[in-house]
Structures are given as C-alpha cells and as structure tokens.
PDB file of N, CA and C in Angstrom:
ATOM      1  N   MET A   1      90.359  93.371  83.298  1.00  0.00           N
ATOM      2  CA  MET A   1      89.655  93.811  82.095  1.00  0.00           C
ATOM      3  C   MET A   1      90.423  94.142  80.803  1.00  0.00           C
ATOM      4  N   LEU A   2      91.628  95.107  81.240  1.00  0.00           N
ATOM      5  CA  LEU A   2      92.419  95.640  80.262  1.00  0.00           C
ATOM      6  C   LEU A   2      93.285  94.502  79.799  1.00  0.00           C
ATOM      7  N   ALA A   3      93.678  93.615  80.681  1.00  0.00           N
ATOM      8  CA  ALA A   3      94.636  92.505  80.070  1.00  0.00           C
ATOM      9  C   ALA A   3      93.891  91.533  79.055  1.00  0.00           C
ATOM     10  N   GLU A   4      92.687  91.275  79.456  1.00  0.00           N
ATOM     11  CA  GLU A   4      91.697  90.560  78.829  1.00  0.00           C
ATOM     12  C   GLU A   4      91.341  91.030  77.488  1.00  0.00           C
ATOM     13  N   GLY A   5      91.283  92.329  77.387  1.00  0.00           N
ATOM     14  CA  GLY A   5      91.065  93.149  76.110  1.00  0.00           C
ATOM     15  C   GLY A   5      92.257  92.978  75.253  1.00  0.00           C
ATOM     16  N   ILE A   6      93.463  93.293  75.790  1.00  0.00           N
ATOM     17  CA  ILE A   6      94.599  93.235  74.983  1.00  0.00           C
ATOM     18  C   ILE A   6      95.092  91.864  74.403  1.00  0.00           C
ATOM     19  N   GLU A   7      94.748  90.823  75.426  1.00  0.00           N
ATOM     20  CA  GLU A   7      95.085  89.379  74.900  1.00  0.00           C
ATOM     21  C   GLU A   7      94.036  89.055  73.722  1.00  0.00           C
ATOM     22  N   GLY A   8      92.748  89.502  73.964  1.00  0.00           N
ATOM     23  CA  GLY A   8      91.784  89.121  72.974  1.00  0.00           C
ATOM     24  C   GLY A   8      91.381  90.159  71.949  1.00  0.00           C
ATOM     25  N   SER A   9      92.415  91.038  71.773  1.00  0.00           N
ATOM     26  CA  SER A   9      92.175  92.152  70.694  1.00  0.00           C
ATOM     27  C   SER A   9      91.986  91.521  69.187  1.00  0.00           C
ATOM     28  N   ALA A  10      92.675  90.384  68.999  1.00  0.00           N
ATOM     29  CA  ALA A  10      92.288  89.959  67.570  1.00  0.00           C
ATOM     30  C   ALA A  10      91.177  89.278  67.418  1.00  0.00           C
ATOM     31  N   THR A  11      90.578  88.706  68.468  1.00  0.00           N
ATOM     32  CA  THR A  11      89.254  88.172  68.388  1.00  0.00           C
ATOM     33  C   THR A  11      88.239  89.345  68.428  1.00  0.00           C
ATOM     34  N   ILE A  12      88.438  90.357  69.300  1.00  0.00           N
ATOM     35  CA  ILE A  12      87.439  91.372  69.310  1.00  0.00           C
ATOM     36  C   ILE A  12      87.157  92.086  67.912  1.00  0.00           C
ATOM     37  N   ARG A  13      88.373  92.289  67.247  1.00  0.00           N
ATOM     38  CA  ARG A  13      88.481  92.864  65.916  1.00  0.00           C
ATOM     39  C   ARG A  13      87.832  91.945  64.902  1.00  0.00           C
ATOM     40  N   THR A  14      88.120  90.655  65.040  1.00  0.00           N
ATOM     41  CA  THR A  14      87.595  89.708  63.961  1.00  0.00           C
ATOM     42  C   THR A  14      86.247  89.507  64.001  1.00  0.00           C
ATOM     43  N   PHE A  15      85.418  89.600  65.158  1.00  0.00           N
ATOM     44  CA  PHE A  15      83.931  89.677  65.171  1.00  0.00           C
ATOM     45  C   PHE A  15      83.259  91.068  65.409  1.00  0.00           C
ATOM     46  N   GLU A  16      84.166  92.077  65.038  1.00  0.00           N
ATOM     47  CA  GLU A  16      83.622  93.493  65.021  1.00  0.00           C
ATOM     48  C   GLU A  16      82.933  93.992  66.191  1.00  0.00           C
ATOM     49  N   LYS A  17      83.555  93.591  67.268  1.00  0.00           N
ATOM     50  CA  LYS A  17      82.825  93.994  68.581  1.00  0.00           C
ATOM     51  C   LYS A  17      83.609  95.202  69.390  1.00  0.00           C
ATOM     52  N   GLU A  18      84.470  95.726  68.692  1.00  0.00           N
ATOM     53  CA  GLU A  18      85.101  96.924  69.311  1.00  0.00           C
ATOM     54  C   GLU A  18      84.194  97.854  69.974  1.00  0.00           C
ATOM     55  N   GLY A  19      83.092  98.305  69.397  1.00  0.00           N
ATOM     56  CA  GLY A  19      82.268  99.289  70.278  1.00  0.00           C
ATOM     57  C   GLY A  19      81.621  98.610  71.529  1.00  0.00           C
ATOM     58  N   ALA A  20      81.187  97.339  71.394  1.00  0.00           N
ATOM     59  CA  ALA A  20      80.437  96.736  72.578  1.00  0.00           C
ATOM     60  C   ALA A  20      81.584  96.468  73.509  1.00  0.00           C
ATOM     61  N   PHE A  21      82.918  96.209  73.178  1.00  0.00           N
ATOM     62  CA  PHE A  21      83.845  96.042  74.288  1.00  0.00           C
ATOM     63  C   PHE A  21      84.164  97.273  74.855  1.00  0.00           C
ATOM     64  N   MET A  22      84.204  98.389  74.050  1.00  0.00           N
ATOM     65  CA  MET A  22      84.528  99.643  74.582  1.00  0.00           C
ATOM     66  C   MET A  22      83.416 100.226  75.564  1.00  0.00           C
ATOM     67  N   ASP A  23      82.264  99.832  75.196  1.00  0.00           N
ATOM     68  CA  ASP A  23      81.030 100.146  76.200  1.00  0.00           C
ATOM     69  C   ASP A  23      81.440  99.426  77.560  1.00  0.00           C
ATOM     70  N   HIS A  24      81.563  98.178  77.330  1.00  0.00           N
ATOM     71  CA  HIS A  24      81.686  97.194  78.418  1.00  0.00           C
ATOM     72  C   HIS A  24      82.906  97.534  79.320  1.00  0.00           C
ATOM     73  N   PHE A  25      84.011  97.909  78.606  1.00  0.00           N
ATOM     74  CA  PHE A  25      85.260  98.464  79.477  1.00  0.00           C
ATOM     75  C   PHE A  25      84.940  99.569  80.182  1.00  0.00           C
ATOM     76  N   GLN A  26      84.267 100.745  79.424  1.00  0.00           N
ATOM     77  CA  GLN A  26      84.054 101.950  80.249  1.00  0.00           C
ATOM     78  C   GLN A  26      83.066 101.849  81.341  1.00  0.00           C
ATOM     79  N   HIS A  27      82.092 100.956  81.168  1.00  0.00           N
ATOM     80  CA  HIS A  27      81.270 100.673  82.323  1.00  0.00           C
ATOM     81  C   HIS A  27      81.873 100.286  83.496  1.00  0.00           C
ATOM     82  N   PHE A  28      82.907  99.247  83.294  1.00  0.00           N
ATOM     83  CA  PHE A  28      83.451  98.693  84.481  1.00  0.00           C
ATOM     84  C   PHE A  28      84.519  99.864  84.918  1.00  0.00           C
ATOM     85  N   ALA A  29      85.334 100.654  84.168  1.00  0.00           N
ATOM     86  CA  ALA A  29      86.061 101.501  84.495  1.00  0.00           C
ATOM     87  C   ALA A  29      85.371 102.621  85.317  1.00  0.00           C
ATOM     88  N   ASP A  30      84.144 103.029  84.972  1.00  0.00           N
ATOM     89  CA  ASP A  30      83.495 103.945  85.814  1.00  0.00           C
ATOM     90  C   ASP A  30      83.032 103.483  87.060  1.00  0.00           C
ATOM     91  N   GLU A  31      82.740 102.104  87.245  1.00  0.00           N
ATOM     92  CA  GLU A  31      82.353 101.605  88.482  1.00  0.00           C
ATOM     93  C   GLU A  31      83.577 101.454  89.343  1.00  0.00           C
ATOM     94  N   SER A  32      84.659 101.113  88.813  1.00  0.00           N
ATOM     95  CA  SER A  32      85.888 101.014  89.616  1.00  0.00           C
ATOM     96  C   SER A  32      86.408 102.432  90.120  1.00  0.00           C
ATOM     97  N   THR A  33      86.355 103.394  89.263  1.00  0.00           N
ATOM     98  CA  THR A  33      86.697 104.739  89.525  1.00  0.00           C
ATOM     99  C   THR A  33      85.810 105.291  90.717  1.00  0.00           C
ATOM    100  N   ALA A  34      84.486 105.222  90.550  1.00  0.00           N
ATOM    101  CA  ALA A  34      83.597 105.584  91.579  1.00  0.00           C
ATOM    102  C   ALA A  34      83.904 104.907  92.852  1.00  0.00           C
ATOM    103  N   ALA A  35      84.070 103.647  92.963  1.00  0.00           N
ATOM    104  CA  ALA A  35      84.372 102.977  94.224  1.00  0.00           C
ATOM    105  C   ALA A  35      85.746 103.454  94.769  1.00  0.00           C
ATOM    106  N   GLN A  36      86.682 103.714  94.073  1.00  0.00           N
ATOM    107  CA  GLN A  36      87.884 104.376  94.285  1.00  0.00           C
ATOM    108  C   GLN A  36      87.980 105.613  94.961  1.00  0.00           C
ATOM    109  N   MET A  37      86.912 106.628  94.292  1.00  0.00           N
ATOM    110  CA  MET A  37      86.783 107.843  94.725  1.00  0.00           C
ATOM    111  C   MET A  37      86.071 107.780  96.060  1.00  0.00           C
ATOM    112  N   ASN A  38      85.226 107.014  96.384  1.00  0.00           N
ATOM    113  CA  ASN A  38      84.508 106.971  97.490  1.00  0.00           C
ATOM    114  C   ASN A  38      85.366 106.391  98.636  1.00  0.00           C
ATOM    115  N   PHE A  39      86.373 105.600  98.231  1.00  0.00           N
ATOM    116  CA  PHE A  39      87.201 105.116  99.285  1.00  0.00           C
ATOM    117  C   PHE A  39      88.252 106.229  99.653  1.00  0.00           C
ATOM    118  N   LEU A  40      88.775 106.840  98.678  1.00  0.00           N
ATOM    119  CA  LEU A  40      89.671 108.043  98.914  1.00  0.00           C
ATOM    120  C   LEU A  40      89.171 109.216  99.775  1.00  0.00           C
ATOM    121  N   GLY A  41      87.812 109.516  99.451  1.00  0.00           N
ATOM    122  CA  GLY A  41      87.126 110.403 100.042  1.00  0.00           C
ATOM    123  C   GLY A  41      86.896 110.104 101.489  1.00  0.00           C
ATOM    124  N   ALA A  42      86.620 108.981 101.899  1.00  0.00           N
ATOM    125  CA  ALA A  42      86.365 108.463 103.174  1.00  0.00           C
ATOM    126  C   ALA A  42      87.671 108.557 103.949  1.00  0.00           C
ATOM    127  N   GLN A  43      88.747 107.932 103.220  1.00  0.00           N
ATOM    128  CA  GLN A  43      90.109 108.047 103.918  1.00  0.00           C
ATOM    129  C   GLN A  43      90.445 109.324 104.235  1.00  0.00           C
ATOM    130  N   ARG A  44      90.287 110.437 103.384  1.00  0.00           N
ATOM    131  CA  ARG A  44      90.571 111.601 103.676  1.00  0.00           C
ATOM    132  C   ARG A  44      89.765 112.337 104.804  1.00  0.00           C
ATOM    133  N   TRP A  45      88.521 111.988 104.888  1.00  0.00           N
ATOM    134  CA  TRP A  45      87.489 112.590 105.920  1.00  0.00           C
ATOM    135  C   TRP A  45      88.221 112.228 107.081  1.00  0.00           C
ATOM    136  N   LEU A  46      88.750 110.864 107.339  1.00  0.00           N
ATOM    137  CA  LEU A  46      89.181 110.215 108.563  1.00  0.00           C
ATOM    138  C   LEU A  46      90.488 110.774 108.892  1.00  0.00           C
ATOM    139  N   GLY A  47      91.241 111.177 107.746  1.00  0.00           N
ATOM    140  CA  GLY A  47      92.527 111.626 108.049  1.00  0.00           C
ATOM    141  C   GLY A  47      92.367 113.091 108.656  1.00  0.00           C
ATOM    142  N   VAL A  48      91.439 113.798 108.361  1.00  0.00           N
ATOM    143  CA  VAL A  48      91.331 115.220 108.684  1.00  0.00           C
ATOM    144  C   VAL A  48      90.907 114.989 110.113  1.00  0.00           C
ATOM    145  N   ARG A  49      89.979 114.094 110.499  1.00  0.00           N
ATOM    146  CA  ARG A  49      89.577 114.023 111.864  1.00  0.00           C
ATOM    147  C   ARG A  49      90.672 113.527 112.866  1.00  0.00           C
ATOM    148  N   VAL A  50      91.469 112.591 112.233  1.00  0.00           N
ATOM    149  CA  VAL A  50      92.659 112.139 113.205  1.00  0.00           C
ATOM    150  C   VAL A  50      93.742 113.175 113.318  1.00  0.00           C
ATOM    151  N   GLU A  51      93.880 114.157 112.259  1.00  0.00           N
ATOM    152  CA  GLU A  51      94.862 115.274 112.451  1.00  0.00           C
ATOM    153  C   GLU A  51      94.369 116.240 113.429  1.00  0.00           C
ATOM    154  N   LEU A  52      92.859 116.390 113.503  1.00  0.00           N
ATOM    155  CA  LEU A  52      92.269 117.229 114.518  1.00  0.00           C
ATOM    156  C   LEU A  52      92.512 116.874 115.691  1.00  0.00           C
ATOM    157  N   LEU A  53      92.394 115.278 115.892  1.00  0.00           N
ATOM    158  CA  LEU A  53      92.446 114.856 117.304  1.00  0.00           C
ATOM    159  C   LEU A  53      93.905 114.957 117.733  1.00  0.00           C
ATOM    160  N   GLY A  54      94.848 114.819 116.673  1.00  0.00           N
ATOM    161  CA  GLY A  54      96.399 114.851 117.216  1.00  0.00           C
ATOM    162  C   GLY A  54      96.796 116.328 117.538  1.00  0.00           C
ATOM    163  N   ALA A  55      96.076 117.348 116.865  1.00  0.00           N
ATOM    164  CA  ALA A  55      96.408 118.679 117.434  1.00  0.00           C
ATOM    165  C   ALA A  55      95.752 118.851 118.749  1.00  0.00           C
ATOM    166  N   MET A  56      94.786 118.404 119.013  1.00  0.00           N
ATOM    167  CA  MET A  56      94.086 118.512 120.435  1.00  0.00           C
ATOM    168  C   MET A  56      94.931 117.918 121.302  1.00  0.00           C
ATOM    169  N   ILE A  57      95.491 116.746 121.076  1.00  0.00           N
ATOM    170  CA  ILE A  57      96.578 115.922 122.062  1.00  0.00           C
ATOM    171  C   ILE A  57      97.684 116.803 122.310  1.00  0.00           C
ATOM    172  N   VAL A  58      98.308 117.132 121.216  1.00  0.00           N
ATOM    173  CA  VAL A  58      99.348 118.127 121.416  1.00  0.00           C
ATOM    174  C   VAL A  58      99.210 119.431 122.133  1.00  0.00           C
ATOM    175  N   PHE A  59      98.203 120.123 121.869  1.00  0.00           N
ATOM    176  CA  PHE A  59      97.653 121.146 122.506  1.00  0.00           C
ATOM    177  C   PHE A  59      97.459 120.904 124.081  1.00  0.00           C
ATOM    178  N   SER A  60      96.871 119.823 124.225  1.00  0.00           N
ATOM    179  CA  SER A  60      96.598 119.490 125.708  1.00  0.00           C
ATOM    180  C   SER A  60      97.868 119.116 126.383  1.00  0.00           C
ATOM    181  N   ALA A  61      98.608 118.465 125.729  1.00  0.00           N
ATOM    182  CA  ALA A  61     100.170 118.233 126.418  1.00  0.00           C
ATOM    183  C   ALA A  61     100.868 119.566 126.623  1.00  0.00           C
ATOM    184  N   SER A  62     100.959 120.472 125.633  1.00  0.00           N
ATOM    185  CA  SER A  62     101.491 121.655 125.803  1.00  0.00           C
ATOM    186  C   SER A  62     100.810 122.564 127.024  1.00  0.00           C
ATOM    187  N   LEU A  63      99.552 122.498 127.016  1.00  0.00           N
ATOM    188  CA  LEU A  63      98.718 123.137 128.207  1.00  0.00           C
ATOM    189  C   LEU A  63      99.233 122.712 129.390  1.00  0.00           C
ATOM    190  N   VAL A  64      99.197 121.400 129.633  1.00  0.00           N
ATOM    191  CA  VAL A  64      99.658 120.636 130.849  1.00  0.00           C
ATOM    192  C   VAL A  64     101.103 121.012 131.283  1.00  0.00           C
ATOM    193  N   VAL A  65     102.014 121.080 130.267  1.00  0.00           N
ATOM    194  CA  VAL A  65     103.299 121.583 130.598  1.00  0.00           C
ATOM    195  C   VAL A  65     103.428 123.020 131.168  1.00  0.00           C
ATOM    196  N   VAL A  66     102.576 123.946 130.456  1.00  0.00           N
ATOM    197  CA  VAL A  66     102.731 125.372 130.889  1.00  0.00           C
ATOM    198  C   VAL A  66     101.707 125.554 132.218  1.00  0.00           C
ATOM    199  N   ILE A  67     100.808 125.018 132.303  1.00  0.00           N
ATOM    200  CA  ILE A  67     100.074 125.195 133.565  1.00  0.00           C
ATOM    201  C   ILE A  67     100.575 124.686 134.763  1.00  0.00           C
ATOM    202  N   PHE A  68     101.237 123.294 134.733  1.00  0.00           N
ATOM    203  CA  PHE A  68     101.596 122.578 135.773  1.00  0.00           C
ATOM    204  C   PHE A  68     103.207 122.581 135.983  1.00  0.00           C
ATOM    205  N   ASN A  69     103.773 123.619 135.365  1.00  0.00           N
ATOM    206  CA  ASN A  69     105.320 123.503 135.343  1.00  0.00           C
ATOM    207  C   ASN A  69     105.853 123.923 136.643  1.00  0.00           C
ATOM    208  N   GLU A  70     105.343 124.837 137.203  1.00  0.00           N
ATOM    209  CA  GLU A  70     105.846 125.106 138.648  1.00  0.00           C
ATOM    210  C   GLU A  70     105.478 123.768 139.824  1.00  0.00           C
ATOM    211  N   ARG A  71     104.403 123.448 139.663  1.00  0.00           N
ATOM    212  CA  ARG A  71     103.968 122.248 140.529  1.00  0.00           C
ATOM    213  C   ARG A  71     104.724 120.855 140.192  1.00  0.00           C
ATOM    214  N   LEU A  72     104.987 120.628 139.039  1.00  0.00           N
ATOM    215  CA  LEU A  72     105.536 119.434 138.626  1.00  0.00           C
ATOM    216  C   LEU A  72     107.137 119.547 138.547  1.00  0.00           C
ATOM    217  N   ALA A  73     107.535 120.785 138.311  1.00  0.00           N
ATOM    218  CA  ALA A  73     109.070 120.991 138.163  1.00  0.00           C
ATOM    219  C   ALA A  73     109.798 120.275 137.174  1.00  0.00           C
ATOM    220  N   LEU A  74     109.100 120.425 135.805  1.00  0.00           N
ATOM    221  CA  LEU A  74     109.594 119.682 134.694  1.00  0.00           C
ATOM    222  C   LEU A  74     110.697 120.409 134.010  1.00  0.00           C
ATOM    223  N   GLY A  75     111.647 119.679 133.582  1.00  0.00           N
ATOM    224  CA  GLY A  75     112.685 120.482 132.946  1.00  0.00           C
ATOM    225  C   GLY A  75     112.452 120.584 131.493  1.00  0.00           C
ATOM    226  N   ALA A  76     113.120 121.461 130.788  1.00  0.00           N
ATOM    227  CA  ALA A  76     112.926 121.897 129.410  1.00  0.00           C
ATOM    228  C   ALA A  76     113.049 120.410 128.669  1.00  0.00           C
ATOM    229  N   GLY A  77     113.880 119.542 128.730  1.00  0.00           N
ATOM    230  CA  GLY A  77     113.948 118.407 128.008  1.00  0.00           C
ATOM    231  C   GLY A  77     112.765 117.577 128.144  1.00  0.00           C
ATOM    232  N   LEU A  78     112.364 117.266 129.413  1.00  0.00           N
ATOM    233  CA  LEU A  78     111.131 116.370 129.653  1.00  0.00           C
ATOM    234  C   LEU A  78     109.975 117.050 129.088  1.00  0.00           C
ATOM    235  N   ALA A  79     109.833 118.413 129.188  1.00  0.00           N
ATOM    236  CA  ALA A  79     108.560 119.014 128.478  1.00  0.00           C
ATOM    237  C   ALA A  79     108.663 118.765 127.076  1.00  0.00           C
ATOM    238  N   ALA A  80     109.750 118.998 126.477  1.00  0.00           N
ATOM    239  CA  ALA A  80     109.835 118.756 124.932  1.00  0.00           C
ATOM    240  C   ALA A  80     109.613 117.216 124.362  1.00  0.00           C
ATOM    241  N   LEU A  81     110.076 116.351 125.369  1.00  0.00           N
ATOM    242  CA  LEU A  81     109.846 114.958 125.043  1.00  0.00           C
ATOM    243  C   LEU A  81     108.354 114.755 125.224  1.00  0.00           C
ATOM    244  N   LEU A  82     107.466 115.281 126.165  1.00  0.00           N
ATOM    245  CA  LEU A  82     106.127 114.887 126.381  1.00  0.00           C
ATOM    246  C   LEU A  82     105.410 115.656 125.179  1.00  0.00           C
ATOM    247  N   ILE A  83     105.869 116.708 124.613  1.00  0.00           N
ATOM    248  CA  ILE A  83     105.116 117.148 123.467  1.00  0.00           C
ATOM    249  C   ILE A  83     105.525 116.380 122.164  1.00  0.00           C
ATOM    250  N   ARG A  84     106.836 116.016 122.120  1.00  0.00           N
ATOM    251  CA  ARG A  84     107.129 115.254 120.886  1.00  0.00           C
ATOM    252  C   ARG A  84     106.510 113.843 121.043  1.00  0.00           C
ATOM    253  N   TRP A  85     106.324 113.258 122.102  1.00  0.00           N
ATOM    254  CA  TRP A  85     105.860 111.931 122.105  1.00  0.00           C
ATOM    255  C   TRP A  85     104.199 111.981 121.916  1.00  0.00           C
ATOM    256  N   SER A  86     103.565 113.110 122.258  1.00  0.00           N
ATOM    257  CA  SER A  86     102.229 113.217 121.956  1.00  0.00           C
ATOM    258  C   SER A  86     102.060 113.494 120.263  1.00  0.00           C
ATOM    259  N   SER A  87     102.940 114.242 119.744  1.00  0.00           N
ATOM    260  CA  SER A  87     103.018 114.266 118.233  1.00  0.00           C
ATOM    261  C   SER A  87     103.174 112.984 117.659  1.00  0.00           C
ATOM    262  N   GLY A  88     104.110 112.132 118.265  1.00  0.00           N
ATOM    263  CA  GLY A  88     104.329 110.906 117.623  1.00  0.00           C
ATOM    264  C   GLY A  88     103.356 109.986 117.844  1.00  0.00           C
ATOM    265  N   PHE A  89     102.440 110.030 118.734  1.00  0.00           N
ATOM    266  CA  PHE A  89     101.331 109.264 118.890  1.00  0.00           C
ATOM    267  C   PHE A  89     100.163 109.580 117.599  1.00  0.00           C
ATOM    268  N   THR A  90     100.114 110.889 117.365  1.00  0.00           N
ATOM    269  CA  THR A  90      99.260 111.079 116.344  1.00  0.00           C
ATOM    270  C   THR A  90      99.723 110.609 114.928  1.00  0.00           C
ATOM    271  N   ILE A  91     100.889 110.802 114.756  1.00  0.00           N
ATOM    272  CA  ILE A  91     101.461 110.082 113.447  1.00  0.00           C
ATOM    273  C   ILE A  91     101.181 108.446 113.577  1.00  0.00           C
ATOM    274  N   SER A  92     101.433 107.988 114.653  1.00  0.00           N
ATOM    275  CA  SER A  92     101.414 106.380 114.611  1.00  0.00           C
ATOM    276  C   SER A  92      99.803 106.087 114.570  1.00  0.00           C
ATOM    277  N   LEU A  93      98.844 106.847 114.982  1.00  0.00           N
ATOM    278  CA  LEU A  93      97.396 106.599 114.997  1.00  0.00           C
ATOM    279  C   LEU A  93      97.035 106.799 113.417  1.00  0.00           C
ATOM    280  N   SER A  94      97.592 107.700 112.976  1.00  0.00           N
ATOM    281  CA  SER A  94      97.197 107.975 111.305  1.00  0.00           C
ATOM    282  C   SER A  94      97.654 106.673 110.651  1.00  0.00           C
ATOM    283  N   PHE A  95      98.853 106.421 110.726  1.00  0.00           N
ATOM    284  CA  PHE A  95      99.501 105.092 109.836  1.00  0.00           C
ATOM    285  C   PHE A  95      98.694 104.031 110.258  1.00  0.00           C
ATOM    286  N   LEU A  96      98.294 103.679 111.476  1.00  0.00           N
ATOM    287  CA  LEU A  96      97.607 102.671 111.984  1.00  0.00           C
ATOM    288  C   LEU A  96      96.248 102.683 111.151  1.00  0.00           C
ATOM    289  N   LEU A  97      95.478 103.764 111.213  1.00  0.00           N
ATOM    290  CA  LEU A  97      94.062 103.795 110.677  1.00  0.00           C
ATOM    291  C   LEU A  97      94.235 103.742 109.128  1.00  0.00           C
ATOM    292  N   ASP A  98      95.280 104.128 108.436  1.00  0.00           N
ATOM    293  CA  ASP A  98      95.500 104.090 106.948  1.00  0.00           C
ATOM    294  C   ASP A  98      95.727 102.449 106.673  1.00  0.00           C
ATOM    295  N   ASN A  99      96.486 101.994 107.376  1.00  0.00           N
ATOM    296  CA  ASN A  99      96.768 100.587 107.066  1.00  0.00           C
ATOM    297  C   ASN A  99      95.647  99.769 107.297  1.00  0.00           C
ATOM    298  N   PHE A 100      94.755 100.025 108.484  1.00  0.00           N
ATOM    299  CA  PHE A 100      93.663  99.160 108.813  1.00  0.00           C
ATOM    300  C   PHE A 100      92.766  99.402 107.537  1.00  0.00           C
ATOM    301  N   ALA A 101      92.534 100.627 106.973  1.00  0.00           N
ATOM    302  CA  ALA A 101      91.576 100.787 106.147  1.00  0.00           C
ATOM    303  C   ALA A 101      91.974 100.193 104.672  1.00  0.00           C
ATOM    304  N   GLU A 102      93.409 100.337 104.402  1.00  0.00           N
ATOM    305  CA  GLU A 102      93.796  99.408 103.147  1.00  0.00           C
ATOM    306  C   GLU A 102      93.463  97.917 103.434  1.00  0.00           C
ATOM    307  N   ALA A 103      93.690  97.492 104.501  1.00  0.00           N
ATOM    308  CA  ALA A 103      93.499  96.066 104.751  1.00  0.00           C
ATOM    309  C   ALA A 103      92.138  95.585 104.469  1.00  0.00           C
ATOM    310  N   GLU A 104      91.326  96.429 105.042  1.00  0.00           N
ATOM    311  CA  GLU A 104      89.773  96.185 105.176  1.00  0.00           C
ATOM    312  C   GLU A 104      89.274  96.240 103.730  1.00  0.00           C
ATOM    313  N   GLY A 105      89.780  97.091 102.863  1.00  0.00           N
ATOM    314  CA  GLY A 105      89.477  97.236 101.326  1.00  0.00           C
ATOM    315  C   GLY A 105      89.959  96.035 100.736  1.00  0.00           C
ATOM    316  N   SER A 106      91.209  95.471 101.047  1.00  0.00           N
ATOM    317  CA  SER A 106      91.715  94.229 100.397  1.00  0.00           C
ATOM    318  C   SER A 106      90.758  92.995 100.702  1.00  0.00           C
ATOM    319  N   VAL A 107      90.341  93.013 101.855  1.00  0.00           N
ATOM    320  CA  VAL A 107      89.422  91.815 102.521  1.00  0.00           C
ATOM    321  C   VAL A 107      88.247  91.949 101.700  1.00  0.00           C
ATOM    322  N   THR A 108      87.529  93.017 101.702  1.00  0.00           N
ATOM    323  CA  THR A 108      86.302  93.270 101.037  1.00  0.00           C
ATOM    324  C   THR A 108      86.591  92.831  99.486  1.00  0.00           C
ATOM    325  N   ALA A 109      87.657  93.096  98.714  1.00  0.00           N
ATOM    326  CA  ALA A 109      87.643  92.748  97.415  1.00  0.00           C
ATOM    327  C   ALA A 109      87.708  91.204  97.309  1.00  0.00           C
ATOM    328  N   ILE A 110      88.681  90.587  98.193  1.00  0.00           N
ATOM    329  CA  ILE A 110      88.774  89.009  98.208  1.00  0.00           C
ATOM    330  C   ILE A 110      87.385  88.511  98.453  1.00  0.00           C
ATOM    331  N   GLU A 111      86.646  89.106  99.382  1.00  0.00           N
ATOM    332  CA  GLU A 111      85.097  88.514  99.522  1.00  0.00           C
ATOM    333  C   GLU A 111      84.180  88.656  98.334  1.00  0.00           C
ATOM    334  N   VAL A 112      84.234  89.793  97.648  1.00  0.00           N
ATOM    335  CA  VAL A 112      83.350  89.905  96.469  1.00  0.00           C
ATOM    336  C   VAL A 112      83.996  88.938  95.380  1.00  0.00           C
ATOM    337  N   SER A 113      85.154  88.781  95.293  1.00  0.00           N
ATOM    338  CA  SER A 113      85.746  87.813  94.215  1.00  0.00           C
ATOM    339  C   SER A 113      85.250  86.431  94.533  1.00  0.00           C
ATOM    340  N   LEU A 114      85.348  85.982  95.791  1.00  0.00           N
ATOM    341  CA  LEU A 114      84.995  84.769  96.298  1.00  0.00           C
ATOM    342  C   LEU A 114      83.454  84.384  95.930  1.00  0.00           C
ATOM    343  N   LEU A 115      82.702  85.418  96.173  1.00  0.00           N
ATOM    344  CA  LEU A 115      81.324  85.297  96.006  1.00  0.00           C
ATOM    345  C   LEU A 115      80.987  85.275  94.554  1.00  0.00           C
ATOM    346  N   ASP A 116      81.664  85.985  93.739  1.00  0.00           N
ATOM    347  CA  ASP A 116      81.508  85.959  92.246  1.00  0.00           C
ATOM    348  C   ASP A 116      81.946  84.638  91.655  1.00  0.00           C
ATOM    349  N   TYR A 117      83.021  83.957  92.166  1.00  0.00           N
ATOM    350  CA  TYR A 117      83.502  82.813  91.810  1.00  0.00           C
ATOM    351  C   TYR A 117      82.307  81.515  92.300  1.00  0.00           C
ATOM    352  N   ALA A 118      82.036  81.797  93.433  1.00  0.00           N
ATOM    353  CA  ALA A 118      80.739  80.828  93.839  1.00  0.00           C
ATOM    354  C   ALA A 118      79.804  80.828  92.889  1.00  0.00           C
ATOM    355  N   CYS A 119      79.405  81.905  92.473  1.00  0.00           N
ATOM    356  CA  CYS A 119      78.118  82.080  91.521  1.00  0.00           C
ATOM    357  C   CYS A 119      78.446  81.234  90.257  1.00  0.00           C
ATOM    358  N   VAL A 120      79.765  81.568  89.744  1.00  0.00           N
ATOM    359  CA  VAL A 120      80.152  80.717  88.533  1.00  0.00           C
ATOM    360  C   VAL A 120      80.248  79.271  88.729  1.00  0.00           C
ATOM    361  N   GLN A 121      80.713  78.945  90.048  1.00  0.00           N
ATOM    362  CA  GLN A 121      80.550  77.492  90.117  1.00  0.00           C
ATOM    363  C   GLN A 121      79.203  76.883  90.166  1.00  0.00           C
ATOM    364  N   ALA A 122      78.245  77.772  90.883  1.00  0.00           N
ATOM    365  CA  ALA A 122      76.932  77.177  90.739  1.00  0.00           C
ATOM    366  C   ALA A 122      76.433  77.156  89.289  1.00  0.00           C
ATOM    367  N   LEU A 123      76.702  77.915  88.398  1.00  0.00           N
ATOM    368  CA  LEU A 123      76.155  77.809  87.066  1.00  0.00           C
ATOM    369  C   LEU A 123      76.831  76.715  86.251  1.00  0.00           C
ATOM    370  N   LEU A 124      77.899  76.335  86.598  1.00  0.00           N
ATOM    371  CA  LEU A 124      78.724  75.133  85.951  1.00  0.00           C
ATOM    372  C   LEU A 124      77.938  73.937  86.179  1.00  0.00           C
ATOM    373  N   TYR A 125      77.372  73.720  87.482  1.00  0.00           N
ATOM    374  CA  TYR A 125      76.953  72.366  87.796  1.00  0.00           C
ATOM    375  C   TYR A 125      75.464  72.326  87.686  1.00  0.00           C
TER     376      TYR A 125
END
C-alpha cells in the first residue's frame, strides 16, 4: 500500500484525494498492526510456556542426578553433560516452535493472497 501511494502520489494530488487515501492507508495499517500484535502476543505466550517446560526438564534432570547419584555412580562430567543437554533441548524446541509459527504465518498470508486473486479473476470474467 505504501509503495502504491508513493508511485501514485502525483495522481492522488491531481484528483485531490489525499484525505481519502490517508483514511484508506490508516485503515489498512491498523488492520495489519492488529494482526501483527496478535501474532506476537501468541508467540510470546507460547515462548513463556516453552521456557517453563524447559525449566521443568532441567530441574528434573538435575533432580535425577542428585537423587540417583549413588546408585548410578555418575561422574561430574556425565552429570554436567546430562544437564547441559536438557537445557539444549529446551533451546532447540523454542527455535523449532518459533520457526514453525513463522512458516505457518507465511503460508496463511499466501493463502489469503490467493483467495483475493481468485476473487479478482472472477470479477474480470
């Protein structure tokens, strides 16, 4: 919308439609911002839950090391490796979910664009 406005600014000024264009532009900007804020809010909500899950996994791994240390005879290096891998799992899960959410948002945007183009094609014929 912004690129179209910049390219057509001479035409907009010629027909004295600056006010109508600004209202139209602000409406689309508000819709876009509202959708983006919902997406970011949902992503942060999910991020907090994933971090909480990760903290529980690291806590469980640490608890297993402390409780079963005598029975399993784990060395310090192996115990540290177990705790480090459990925190690495959390980070990997967080990146996976973030990338999945971004990809799903992109696919949804493409789907909406295709539906809009299908309506335009129907109007032309």
